[in-house]
C-alpha atoms as a PDB file:
ATOM      1  CA  UNK A   1       0.000   0.000   0.000  1.00  0.00           C
ATOM      2  CA  UNK A   2       2.935   2.330   0.612  1.00  0.00           C
ATOM      3  CA  UNK A   3       4.004   1.916  -3.008  1.00  0.00           C
ATOM      4  CA  UNK A   4       0.574   3.098  -4.170  1.00  0.00           C
ATOM      5  CA  UNK A   5       0.796   6.109  -1.860  1.00  0.00           C
ATOM      6  CA  UNK A   6       4.288   7.030  -3.069  1.00  0.00           C
ATOM      7  CA  UNK A   7       3.211   6.669  -6.695  1.00  0.00           C
ATOM      8  CA  UNK A   8       0.204   8.971  -6.218  1.00  0.00           C
ATOM      9  CA  UNK A   9       2.373  11.461  -4.317  1.00  0.00           C
ATOM     10  CA  UNK A  10       4.890  11.480  -7.170  1.00  0.00           C
ATOM     11  CA  UNK A  11       2.112  12.108  -9.701  1.00  0.00           C
ATOM     12  CA  UNK A  12       0.722  14.955  -7.582  1.00  0.00           C
ATOM     13  CA  UNK A  13       4.101  16.707  -7.343  1.00  0.00           C
ATOM     14  CA  UNK A  14       4.697  16.309 -11.086  1.00  0.00           C
ATOM     15  CA  UNK A  15       1.284  17.808 -11.808  1.00  0.00           C
ATOM     16  CA  UNK A  16       2.004  20.793  -9.567  1.00  0.00           C
ATOM     17  CA  UNK A  17       5.237  21.468 -11.457  1.00  0.00           C
ATOM     18  CA  UNK A  18       3.478  21.299 -14.830  1.00  0.00           C
ATOM     19  CA  UNK A  19       0.734  23.644 -13.621  1.00  0.00           C
ATOM     20  CA  UNK A  20       3.333  26.127 -12.333  1.00  0.00           C
ATOM     21  CA  UNK A  21       5.072  26.013 -15.704  1.00  0.00           C
ATOM     22  CA  UNK A  22       1.773  26.502 -17.519  1.00  0.00           C
ATOM     23  CA  UNK A  23       0.636  29.385 -15.312  1.00  0.00           C
ATOM     24  CA  UNK A  24       3.957  31.250 -15.522  1.00  0.00           C
ATOM     25  CA  UNK A  25       3.815  31.191 -19.317  1.00  0.00           C
ATOM     26  CA  UNK A  26       7.052  29.235 -19.510  1.00  0.00           C
ATOM     27  CA  UNK A  27       5.209  26.640 -21.579  1.00  0.00           C
ATOM     28  CA  UNK A  28       1.658  27.145 -22.793  1.00  0.00           C
ATOM     29  CA  UNK A  29       1.777  24.684 -25.664  1.00  0.00           C
ATOM     30  CA  UNK A  30      -1.003  22.276 -26.553  1.00  0.00           C
ATOM     31  CA  UNK A  31       1.390  19.438 -25.750  1.00  0.00           C
ATOM     32  CA  UNK A  32       1.768  20.505 -22.127  1.00  0.00           C
ATOM     33  CA  UNK A  33      -1.983  20.994 -21.778  1.00  0.00           C
ATOM     34  CA  UNK A  34      -2.556  17.483 -23.121  1.00  0.00           C
ATOM     35  CA  UNK A  35       0.065  16.109 -20.743  1.00  0.00           C
ATOM     36  CA  UNK A  36      -1.634  17.816 -17.781  1.00  0.00           C
ATOM     37  CA  UNK A  37      -5.018  16.376 -18.804  1.00  0.00           C
ATOM     38  CA  UNK A  38      -3.524  12.873 -19.051  1.00  0.00           C
ATOM     39  CA  UNK A  39      -1.758  13.279 -15.698  1.00  0.00           C
ATOM     40  CA  UNK A  40      -4.986  14.384 -14.012  1.00  0.00           C
ATOM     41  CA  UNK A  41      -6.697  11.229 -15.244  1.00  0.00           C
ATOM     42  CA  UNK A  42      -3.756   9.095 -14.138  1.00  0.00           C
ATOM     43  CA  UNK A  43      -3.772  10.606 -10.666  1.00  0.00           C
ATOM     44  CA  UNK A  44      -7.526  10.003 -10.408  1.00  0.00           C
ATOM     45  CA  UNK A  45      -7.022   6.302 -11.190  1.00  0.00           C
ATOM     46  CA  UNK A  46      -4.155   6.021  -8.706  1.00  0.00           C
ATOM     47  CA  UNK A  47      -6.286   7.573  -5.950  1.00  0.00           C
ATOM     48  CA  UNK A  48      -9.158   5.201  -6.696  1.00  0.00           C
ATOM     49  CA  UNK A  49      -6.811   2.211  -6.581  1.00  0.00           C
ATOM     50  CA  UNK A  50      -5.195   3.414  -3.352  1.00  0.00           C
ATOM     51  CA  UNK A  51      -8.602   3.895  -1.744  1.00  0.00           C
ATOM     52  CA  UNK A  52      -9.707   0.411  -2.810  1.00  0.00           C
ATOM     53  CA  UNK A  53      -6.650  -1.169  -1.199  1.00  0.00           C
ATOM     54  CA  UNK A  54      -6.988   1.049   1.892  1.00  0.00           C
ATOM     55  CA  UNK A  55     -10.566  -0.065   2.516  1.00  0.00           C
ATOM     56  CA  UNK A  56      -9.360  -3.675   2.545  1.00  0.00           C
ATOM     57  CA  UNK A  57      -6.679  -2.993   5.157  1.00  0.00           C
ATOM     58  CA  UNK A  58      -7.192  -5.156   8.240  1.00  0.00           C
ATOM     59  CA  UNK A  59      -5.245  -3.009  10.720  1.00  0.00           C
ATOM     60  CA  UNK A  60      -7.530  -0.145  11.875  1.00  0.00           C
ATOM     61  CA  UNK A  61      -4.746   2.415  12.395  1.00  0.00           C
ATOM     62  CA  UNK A  62      -3.250   1.864   8.951  1.00  0.00           C
ATOM     63  CA  UNK A  63      -6.698   1.925   7.381  1.00  0.00           C
ATOM     64  CA  UNK A  64      -7.596   5.238   9.011  1.00  0.00           C
ATOM     65  CA  UNK A  65      -4.276   6.797   7.998  1.00  0.00           C
ATOM     66  CA  UNK A  66      -4.654   5.639   4.410  1.00  0.00           C
ATOM     67  CA  UNK A  67      -8.224   6.922   4.103  1.00  0.00           C
ATOM     68  CA  UNK A  68      -7.131  10.296   5.493  1.00  0.00           C
ATOM     69  CA  UNK A  69      -4.467  10.439   2.801  1.00  0.00           C
ATOM     70  CA  UNK A  70      -7.080   9.545   0.187  1.00  0.00           C
ATOM     71  CA  UNK A  71      -9.222  12.481   1.322  1.00  0.00           C
ATOM     72  CA  UNK A  72      -6.274  14.874   0.993  1.00  0.00           C
ATOM     73  CA  UNK A  73      -5.398  13.492  -2.437  1.00  0.00           C
ATOM     74  CA  UNK A  74      -8.963  14.026  -3.656  1.00  0.00           C
ATOM     75  CA  UNK A  75      -9.015  17.587  -2.289  1.00  0.00           C
ATOM     76  CA  UNK A  76      -5.690  18.410  -3.972  1.00  0.00           C
ATOM     77  CA  UNK A  77      -6.842  16.830  -7.231  1.00  0.00           C
ATOM     78  CA  UNK A  78     -10.003  18.945  -7.299  1.00  0.00           C
ATOM     79  CA  UNK A  79      -7.966  22.084  -6.629  1.00  0.00           C
ATOM     80  CA  UNK A  80      -5.575  21.236  -9.477  1.00  0.00           C
ATOM     81  CA  UNK A  81      -8.478  20.637 -11.879  1.00  0.00           C
ATOM     82  CA  UNK A  82     -10.010  24.005 -10.946  1.00  0.00           C
ATOM     83  CA  UNK A  83      -6.646  25.724 -11.286  1.00  0.00           C
ATOM     84  CA  UNK A  84      -6.032  24.157 -14.693  1.00  0.00           C
ATOM     85  CA  UNK A  85      -9.379  25.337 -16.058  1.00  0.00           C
ATOM     86  CA  UNK A  86      -8.839  28.825 -14.615  1.00  0.00           C
ATOM     87  CA  UNK A  87      -5.396  29.150 -16.235  1.00  0.00           C
ATOM     88  CA  UNK A  88      -6.767  28.011 -19.592  1.00  0.00           C
ATOM     89  CA  UNK A  89      -9.518  30.652 -19.445  1.00  0.00           C
ATOM     90  CA  UNK A  90      -7.054  33.382 -18.469  1.00  0.00           C
ATOM     91  CA  UNK A  91      -4.717  32.505 -21.317  1.00  0.00           C
ATOM     92  CA  UNK A  92      -7.613  32.339 -23.760  1.00  0.00           C
ATOM     93  CA  UNK A  93      -8.727  35.844 -22.760  1.00  0.00           C
ATOM     94  CA  UNK A  94      -5.154  37.145 -23.033  1.00  0.00           C
ATOM     95  CA  UNK A  95      -4.752  35.566 -26.482  1.00  0.00           C
ATOM     96  CA  UNK A  96      -8.019  37.106 -27.690  1.00  0.00           C
ATOM     97  CA  UNK A  97      -6.924  40.547 -26.480  1.00  0.00           C
ATOM     98  CA  UNK A  98      -3.555  40.144 -28.190  1.00  0.00           C
ATOM     99  CA  UNK A  99      -5.229  39.164 -31.463  1.00  0.00           C
ATOM    100  CA  UNK A 100      -7.557  42.149 -31.221  1.00  0.00           C
ATOM    101  CA  UNK A 101      -4.653  44.549 -30.594  1.00  0.00           C
ATOM    102  CA  UNK A 102      -2.749  43.167 -33.563  1.00  0.00           C
ATOM    103  CA  UNK A 103      -5.810  43.572 -35.748  1.00  0.00           C
ATOM    104  CA  UNK A 104      -6.287  47.191 -34.656  1.00  0.00           C
ATOM    105  CA  UNK A 105      -2.613  48.026 -35.233  1.00  0.00           C
ATOM    106  CA  UNK A 106      -2.563  46.461 -38.703  1.00  0.00           C
ATOM    107  CA  UNK A 107      -1.869  49.210 -41.295  1.00  0.00           C
ATOM    108  CA  UNK A 108      -4.341  49.944 -44.063  1.00  0.00           C
ATOM    109  CA  UNK A 109      -2.462  49.233 -47.275  1.00  0.00           C
ATOM    110  CA  UNK A 110      -5.183  50.658 -49.472  1.00  0.00           C
ATOM    111  CA  UNK A 111      -4.635  54.298 -48.546  1.00  0.00           C
ATOM    112  CA  UNK A 112      -5.610  56.732 -45.805  1.00  0.00           C
ATOM    113  CA  UNK A 113      -8.907  57.126 -44.029  1.00  0.00           C
ATOM    114  CA  UNK A 114     -11.655  54.579 -44.319  1.00  0.00           C
ATOM    115  CA  UNK A 115     -11.118  53.938 -48.012  1.00  0.00           C
ATOM    116  CA  UNK A 116     -10.958  50.216 -48.758  1.00  0.00           C
ATOM    117  CA  UNK A 117      -7.859  49.051 -50.645  1.00  0.00           C
ATOM    118  CA  UNK A 118      -8.298  48.365 -54.291  1.00  0.00           C
ATOM    119  CA  UNK A 119      -6.388  45.086 -53.981  1.00  0.00           C
ATOM    120  CA  UNK A 120      -6.855  43.769 -50.415  1.00  0.00           C
ATOM    121  CA  UNK A 121      -4.916  40.560 -50.991  1.00  0.00           C
ATOM    122  CA  UNK A 122      -1.388  41.418 -52.091  1.00  0.00           C
ATOM    123  CA  UNK A 123       1.090  38.632 -52.974  1.00  0.00           C
ATOM    124  CA  UNK A 124       3.825  38.052 -50.397  1.00  0.00           C
ATOM    125  CA  UNK A 125       7.360  39.075 -51.142  1.00  0.00           C
ATOM    126  CA  UNK A 126      10.157  36.503 -51.152  1.00  0.00           C
ATOM    127  CA  UNK A 127      11.369  37.604 -47.689  1.00  0.00           C
ATOM    128  CA  UNK A 128       7.873  37.421 -46.236  1.00  0.00           C
ATOM    129  CA  UNK A 129       7.377  33.961 -47.699  1.00  0.00           C
ATOM    130  CA  UNK A 130      10.732  32.781 -46.302  1.00  0.00           C
ATOM    131  CA  UNK A 131       9.900  34.129 -42.831  1.00  0.00           C
ATOM    132  CA  UNK A 132       6.512  32.428 -42.937  1.00  0.00           C
ATOM    133  CA  UNK A 133       8.113  29.109 -43.902  1.00  0.00           C
ATOM    134  CA  UNK A 134      10.666  29.393 -41.097  1.00  0.00           C
ATOM    135  CA  UNK A 135       7.933  30.185 -38.580  1.00  0.00           C
ATOM    136  CA  UNK A 136       5.902  27.188 -39.749  1.00  0.00           C
ATOM    137  CA  UNK A 137       8.954  24.917 -39.465  1.00  0.00           C
ATOM    138  CA  UNK A 138       9.672  26.115 -35.925  1.00  0.00           C
ATOM    139  CA  UNK A 139       6.055  25.607 -34.855  1.00  0.00           C
ATOM    140  CA  UNK A 140       5.990  22.125 -36.400  1.00  0.00           C
ATOM    141  CA  UNK A 141       9.191  21.116 -34.611  1.00  0.00           C
ATOM    142  CA  UNK A 142       7.880  22.455 -31.311  1.00  0.00           C
ATOM    143  CA  UNK A 143       4.619  20.544 -31.669  1.00  0.00           C
ATOM    144  CA  UNK A 144       6.544  17.400 -32.601  1.00  0.00           C
ATOM    145  CA  UNK A 145       8.651  17.682 -29.440  1.00  0.00           C
ATOM    146  CA  UNK A 146       5.464  18.203 -27.403  1.00  0.00           C
ATOM    147  CA  UNK A 147       3.837  15.091 -28.878  1.00  0.00           C
ATOM    148  CA  UNK A 148       6.938  12.984 -28.263  1.00  0.00           C
ATOM    149  CA  UNK A 149       7.158  14.242 -24.668  1.00  0.00           C
ATOM    150  CA  UNK A 150       3.503  13.419 -24.110  1.00  0.00           C
ATOM    151  CA  UNK A 151       3.987   9.912 -25.529  1.00  0.00           C
ATOM    152  CA  UNK A 152       7.018   9.360 -23.284  1.00  0.00           C
ATOM    153  CA  UNK A 153       4.971  10.463 -20.283  1.00  0.00           C
ATOM    154  CA  UNK A 154       2.248   7.961 -21.193  1.00  0.00           C
ATOM    155  CA  UNK A 155       4.853   5.218 -21.536  1.00  0.00           C
ATOM    156  CA  UNK A 156       6.271   6.038 -18.091  1.00  0.00           C
ATOM    157  CA  UNK A 157       2.768   5.934 -16.600  1.00  0.00           C
ATOM    158  CA  UNK A 158       2.173   2.518 -18.158  1.00  0.00           C
ATOM    159  CA  UNK A 159       5.469   1.252 -16.741  1.00  0.00           C
ATOM    160  CA  UNK A 160       4.663   2.576 -13.257  1.00  0.00           C
ATOM    161  CA  UNK A 161       1.189   1.050 -13.324  1.00  0.00           C
ATOM    162  CA  UNK A 162       2.628  -2.298 -14.425  1.00  0.00           C
ATOM    163  CA  UNK A 163       4.961  -2.294 -11.421  1.00  0.00           C
ATOM    164  CA  UNK A 164       2.082  -1.446  -9.113  1.00  0.00           C
ATOM    165  CA  UNK A 165      -0.030  -4.263 -10.561  1.00  0.00           C
ATOM    166  CA  UNK A 166       2.756  -6.790  -9.965  1.00  0.00           C
ATOM    167  CA  UNK A 167       3.151  -5.718  -6.329  1.00  0.00           C
ATOM    168  CA  UNK A 168      -0.605  -5.710  -5.802  1.00  0.00           C
ATOM    169  CA  UNK A 169      -0.892  -9.200  -7.300  1.00  0.00           C
ATOM    170  CA  UNK A 170       1.739 -10.549  -4.897  1.00  0.00           C
ATOM    171  CA  UNK A 171      -0.003  -9.011  -1.888  1.00  0.00           C
ATOM    172  CA  UNK A 172      -3.379 -10.361  -2.989  1.00  0.00           C
ATOM    173  CA  UNK A 173      -1.990 -13.873  -3.416  1.00  0.00           C
ATOM    174  CA  UNK A 174      -0.248 -13.727  -0.034  1.00  0.00           C
ATOM    175  CA  UNK A 175      -3.449 -12.529   1.606  1.00  0.00           C
ATOM    176  CA  UNK A 176      -5.430 -15.225  -0.175  1.00  0.00           C
ATOM    177  CA  UNK A 177      -3.079 -17.912   1.129  1.00  0.00           C
ATOM    178  CA  UNK A 178      -3.348 -16.552   4.677  1.00  0.00           C
ATOM    179  CA  UNK A 179      -7.132 -16.470   4.483  1.00  0.00           C
ATOM    180  CA  UNK A 180      -7.273 -19.994   3.063  1.00  0.00           C
ATOM    181  CA  UNK A 181      -9.077 -19.139  -0.176  1.00  0.00           C
ATOM    182  CA  UNK A 182      -9.631 -21.930  -2.680  1.00  0.00           C
ATOM    183  CA  UNK A 183      -7.192 -22.670  -5.458  1.00  0.00           C
ATOM    184  CA  UNK A 184      -9.878 -21.764  -8.020  1.00  0.00           C
ATOM    185  CA  UNK A 185     -10.044 -18.215  -6.689  1.00  0.00           C
ATOM    186  CA  UNK A 186      -6.256 -17.923  -6.724  1.00  0.00           C
ATOM    187  CA  UNK A 187      -6.074 -19.224 -10.311  1.00  0.00           C
ATOM    188  CA  UNK A 188      -8.754 -16.724 -11.327  1.00  0.00           C
ATOM    189  CA  UNK A 189      -6.670 -13.892  -9.839  1.00  0.00           C
ATOM    190  CA  UNK A 190      -3.602 -15.155 -11.711  1.00  0.00           C
ATOM    191  CA  UNK A 191      -5.541 -15.259 -15.008  1.00  0.00           C
ATOM    192  CA  UNK A 192      -6.714 -11.673 -14.519  1.00  0.00           C
ATOM    193  CA  UNK A 193      -3.158 -10.622 -13.746  1.00  0.00           C
ATOM    194  CA  UNK A 194      -1.972 -12.266 -16.970  1.00  0.00           C
ATOM    195  CA  UNK A 195      -4.651 -10.378 -18.908  1.00  0.00           C
ATOM    196  CA  UNK A 196      -3.530  -7.111 -17.323  1.00  0.00           C
ATOM    197  CA  UNK A 197       0.037  -7.909 -18.334  1.00  0.00           C
ATOM    198  CA  UNK A 198      -0.947  -8.360 -21.984  1.00  0.00           C
ATOM    199  CA  UNK A 199      -2.952  -5.127 -21.864  1.00  0.00           C
ATOM    200  CA  UNK A 200       0.162  -3.410 -20.517  1.00  0.00           C
ATOM    201  CA  UNK A 201       2.363  -4.772 -23.311  1.00  0.00           C
ATOM    202  CA  UNK A 202      -0.275  -3.821 -25.874  1.00  0.00           C
ATOM    203  CA  UNK A 203      -0.317  -0.266 -24.524  1.00  0.00           C
ATOM    204  CA  UNK A 204       3.465  -0.064 -24.893  1.00  0.00           C
ATOM    205  CA  UNK A 205       3.297  -1.291 -28.510  1.00  0.00           C
ATOM    206  CA  UNK A 206       0.560   1.211 -29.406  1.00  0.00           C
ATOM    207  CA  UNK A 207       2.452   4.089 -27.755  1.00  0.00           C
ATOM    208  CA  UNK A 208       5.721   3.234 -29.553  1.00  0.00           C
ATOM    209  CA  UNK A 209       3.837   2.898 -32.856  1.00  0.00           C
ATOM    210  CA  UNK A 210       2.230   6.333 -32.414  1.00  0.00           C
ATOM    211  CA  UNK A 211       5.629   7.869 -31.609  1.00  0.00           C
ATOM    212  CA  UNK A 212       7.049   6.279 -34.762  1.00  0.00           C
ATOM    213  CA  UNK A 213       4.197   7.640 -36.884  1.00  0.00           C
ATOM    214  CA  UNK A 214       4.705  11.156 -35.500  1.00  0.00           C
ATOM    215  CA  UNK A 215       8.460  11.078 -36.153  1.00  0.00           C
ATOM    216  CA  UNK A 216       8.065   9.462 -39.591  1.00  0.00           C
ATOM    217  CA  UNK A 217       5.422  11.778 -41.011  1.00  0.00           C
ATOM    218  CA  UNK A 218       6.323  15.093 -39.365  1.00  0.00           C
ATOM    219  CA  UNK A 219      10.071  14.882 -39.832  1.00  0.00           C
END
């Protein structure tokens, strides 16, 4: 049970760092926002799993301590969700104001006053075209790095969850032996653990395949 607690605590600290980075403007990319959303879901699952194990604890003191920790985790998670949504709204408002200011400052190429330009869509010069291509290349590379980082984060989460499942399986089997459960129940638990293992390996394969597709088609 301590491993589940430490894992959830690690996820919570990582989420706080990402939210600080997002709020400060150090990184406001779509990749970081997607990573935060995935991490929030992962922390929710870890808390649910920790609570499930805590409710099965036989020692009253340990059970009470674990459930208290679960309550704090849930409170912190709700605060982080609220903070995330608030930051997104603030940045959306700031972006809209910036776009409006740029639109108001845009010069009227068709002449002075309110006269509409005779040719509103002028062809770009060679320098303007080159700058636009460079900007597009930089944005594409940045998004590619964000996607790869998000995929790596998912892969790490899968690896952590696999380790937790193995430890949980061992504890369940030990408990089952102590309680004298039938061999059929134990074999059923082992079959479910094997299915979880294949799901884990399948998740790794899918994640690696997606990373390969991103690298292959965007680079």
